[in-house]
Amino acid sequence: MKRVFLVAAILGLLGAAFLQWQKHRYKLMVQDAEQQCNILAISHSDTDLLPHEVDCALVHHDVLMTFRLGPNSNFYWDCLPPDQVMLQRLTASNCKFYKRQ
């Protein structure tokens, strides 16, 4: 009985550690995606924003990651999460740029 409890406790600790690692990994993925979004937004010719006005922030994530390009901006990027594109970085080819009215 003690062995079963010990094995269950070890598995529980390993599961909790794995979930924390996944949370940390997701946070790093979002930070990297926001940085890539900033680079893409500055280089995109259709934005009316100056480079110092671009500050991408994740506003929604489900199937797509949605970034707002600035706190008072109507410009957005919808991108496939990097995990969905085989751990590649965000590029203009896996993101859609648009302006909300």
C-alpha atoms as a PDB file:
ATOM      1  CA  MET A   1       0.000   0.000   0.000  1.00  0.00           C
ATOM      2  CA  LYS A   2       2.868   2.351   0.809  1.00  0.00           C
ATOM      3  CA  ARG A   3       4.412   1.691  -2.620  1.00  0.00           C
ATOM      4  CA  VAL A   4       1.183   2.580  -4.395  1.00  0.00           C
ATOM      5  CA  PHE A   5       0.953   5.818  -2.428  1.00  0.00           C
ATOM      6  CA  LEU A   6       4.608   6.599  -3.155  1.00  0.00           C
ATOM      7  CA  VAL A   7       4.200   5.933  -6.885  1.00  0.00           C
ATOM      8  CA  ALA A   8       1.030   8.059  -6.982  1.00  0.00           C
ATOM      9  CA  ALA A   9       2.795  10.894  -5.166  1.00  0.00           C
ATOM     10  CA  ILE A  10       5.774  10.770  -7.552  1.00  0.00           C
ATOM     11  CA  LEU A  11       3.480  10.733 -10.584  1.00  0.00           C
ATOM     12  CA  GLY A  12       1.544  13.673  -9.157  1.00  0.00           C
ATOM     13  CA  LEU A  13       4.737  15.677  -8.635  1.00  0.00           C
ATOM     14  CA  LEU A  14       5.955  14.850 -12.139  1.00  0.00           C
ATOM     15  CA  GLY A  15       2.598  15.896 -13.572  1.00  0.00           C
ATOM     16  CA  ALA A  16       2.665  19.206 -11.690  1.00  0.00           C
ATOM     17  CA  ALA A  17       6.240  19.871 -12.847  1.00  0.00           C
ATOM     18  CA  PHE A  18       5.265  19.107 -16.447  1.00  0.00           C
ATOM     19  CA  LEU A  19       2.324  21.525 -16.279  1.00  0.00           C
ATOM     20  CA  GLN A  20       4.558  24.279 -14.866  1.00  0.00           C
ATOM     21  CA  TRP A  21       7.100  23.648 -17.635  1.00  0.00           C
ATOM     22  CA  GLN A  22       4.348  23.859 -20.279  1.00  0.00           C
ATOM     23  CA  LYS A  23       3.076  27.130 -18.766  1.00  0.00           C
ATOM     24  CA  HIS A  24       6.591  28.589 -18.816  1.00  0.00           C
ATOM     25  CA  ARG A  25       7.142  27.368 -22.387  1.00  0.00           C
ATOM     26  CA  TYR A  26       3.861  28.964 -23.523  1.00  0.00           C
ATOM     27  CA  LYS A  27       4.807  32.268 -21.857  1.00  0.00           C
ATOM     28  CA  LEU A  28       8.135  32.285 -23.726  1.00  0.00           C
ATOM     29  CA  MET A  29       6.358  31.432 -26.990  1.00  0.00           C
ATOM     30  CA  VAL A  30       3.978  34.397 -26.530  1.00  0.00           C
ATOM     31  CA  GLN A  31       6.866  36.760 -25.720  1.00  0.00           C
ATOM     32  CA  ASP A  32       8.747  35.640 -28.829  1.00  0.00           C
ATOM     33  CA  ALA A  33       5.605  35.948 -30.958  1.00  0.00           C
ATOM     34  CA  GLU A  34       4.988  39.493 -29.654  1.00  0.00           C
ATOM     35  CA  GLN A  35       8.551  40.445 -30.542  1.00  0.00           C
ATOM     36  CA  GLN A  36       8.194  38.944 -34.023  1.00  0.00           C
ATOM     37  CA  CYS A  37       4.859  40.749 -34.395  1.00  0.00           C
ATOM     38  CA  ASN A  38       6.596  44.060 -33.650  1.00  0.00           C
ATOM     39  CA  ILE A  39       9.149  43.397 -36.392  1.00  0.00           C
ATOM     40  CA  LEU A  40       6.464  42.363 -38.901  1.00  0.00           C
ATOM     41  CA  ALA A  41       4.252  45.344 -38.072  1.00  0.00           C
ATOM     42  CA  ILE A  42       7.068  47.845 -38.521  1.00  0.00           C
ATOM     43  CA  SER A  43       8.041  46.316 -41.852  1.00  0.00           C
ATOM     44  CA  HIS A  44       4.441  46.082 -43.116  1.00  0.00           C
ATOM     45  CA  SER A  45       3.820  48.920 -45.544  1.00  0.00           C
ATOM     46  CA  ASP A  46       0.052  49.232 -44.906  1.00  0.00           C
ATOM     47  CA  THR A  47       0.269  50.349 -41.287  1.00  0.00           C
ATOM     48  CA  ASP A  48      -0.203  53.990 -40.433  1.00  0.00           C
ATOM     49  CA  LEU A  49       1.823  53.502 -37.276  1.00  0.00           C
ATOM     50  CA  LEU A  50       5.303  54.831 -36.666  1.00  0.00           C
ATOM     51  CA  PRO A  51       7.851  52.363 -35.266  1.00  0.00           C
ATOM     52  CA  HIS A  52       7.654  53.882 -31.771  1.00  0.00           C
ATOM     53  CA  GLU A  53       3.832  53.434 -31.832  1.00  0.00           C
ATOM     54  CA  VAL A  54       3.982  49.691 -32.522  1.00  0.00           C
ATOM     55  CA  ASP A  55       3.623  47.643 -29.370  1.00  0.00           C
ATOM     56  CA  CYS A  56       2.140  44.239 -30.174  1.00  0.00           C
ATOM     57  CA  ALA A  57       0.163  42.625 -27.402  1.00  0.00           C
ATOM     58  CA  LEU A  58      -1.633  39.300 -27.428  1.00  0.00           C
ATOM     59  CA  VAL A  59      -5.343  39.999 -27.068  1.00  0.00           C
ATOM     60  CA  HIS A  60      -6.775  36.568 -27.871  1.00  0.00           C
ATOM     61  CA  HIS A  61      -5.548  33.050 -28.396  1.00  0.00           C
ATOM     62  CA  ASP A  62      -7.493  30.037 -29.474  1.00  0.00           C
ATOM     63  CA  VAL A  63      -6.768  28.534 -32.858  1.00  0.00           C
ATOM     64  CA  LEU A  64      -5.141  31.817 -33.895  1.00  0.00           C
ATOM     65  CA  MET A  65      -3.086  34.258 -31.880  1.00  0.00           C
ATOM     66  CA  THR A  66      -4.525  37.778 -32.282  1.00  0.00           C
ATOM     67  CA  PHE A  67      -2.238  40.726 -31.644  1.00  0.00           C
ATOM     68  CA  ARG A  68      -3.197  44.387 -31.416  1.00  0.00           C
ATOM     69  CA  LEU A  69      -0.419  46.531 -32.851  1.00  0.00           C
ATOM     70  CA  GLY A  70      -0.759  49.336 -30.347  1.00  0.00           C
ATOM     71  CA  PRO A  71      -2.847  50.280 -27.307  1.00  0.00           C
ATOM     72  CA  ASN A  72      -4.972  52.749 -29.303  1.00  0.00           C
ATOM     73  CA  SER A  73      -4.687  51.011 -32.646  1.00  0.00           C
ATOM     74  CA  ASN A  74      -7.275  49.379 -34.893  1.00  0.00           C
ATOM     75  CA  PHE A  75      -4.583  47.293 -36.625  1.00  0.00           C
ATOM     76  CA  TYR A  76      -4.398  43.584 -35.817  1.00  0.00           C
ATOM     77  CA  TRP A  77      -2.487  40.463 -36.807  1.00  0.00           C
ATOM     78  CA  ASP A  78      -4.045  36.996 -36.725  1.00  0.00           C
ATOM     79  CA  CYS A  79      -1.283  34.411 -36.694  1.00  0.00           C
ATOM     80  CA  LEU A  80      -0.995  30.687 -36.391  1.00  0.00           C
ATOM     81  CA  PRO A  81       0.766  29.868 -33.126  1.00  0.00           C
ATOM     82  CA  PRO A  82       4.394  28.865 -33.737  1.00  0.00           C
ATOM     83  CA  ASP A  83       3.640  25.333 -32.498  1.00  0.00           C
ATOM     84  CA  GLN A  84       1.135  25.049 -35.351  1.00  0.00           C
ATOM     85  CA  VAL A  85       3.772  25.879 -37.951  1.00  0.00           C
ATOM     86  CA  MET A  86       6.273  23.324 -36.714  1.00  0.00           C
ATOM     87  CA  LEU A  87       7.986  25.572 -34.160  1.00  0.00           C
ATOM     88  CA  GLN A  88       8.878  28.226 -36.720  1.00  0.00           C
ATOM     89  CA  ARG A  89       8.738  31.901 -35.933  1.00  0.00           C
ATOM     90  CA  LEU A  90       5.892  34.115 -37.039  1.00  0.00           C
ATOM     91  CA  THR A  91       6.177  35.322 -40.606  1.00  0.00           C
ATOM     92  CA  ALA A  92       3.996  37.386 -42.904  1.00  0.00           C
ATOM     93  CA  SER A  93       3.016  34.160 -44.665  1.00  0.00           C
ATOM     94  CA  ASN A  94       1.395  32.636 -41.538  1.00  0.00           C
ATOM     95  CA  CYS A  95      -0.171  35.894 -40.331  1.00  0.00           C
ATOM     96  CA  LYS A  96      -3.051  37.976 -41.643  1.00  0.00           C
ATOM     97  CA  PHE A  97      -2.936  41.734 -41.199  1.00  0.00           C
ATOM     98  CA  TYR A  98      -6.193  43.705 -41.000  1.00  0.00           C
ATOM     99  CA  LYS A  99      -7.782  46.873 -39.655  1.00  0.00           C
ATOM    100  CA  ARG A 100     -10.952  46.731 -37.557  1.00  0.00           C
ATOM    101  CA  GLN A 101     -13.482  49.467 -38.159  1.00  0.00           C
END
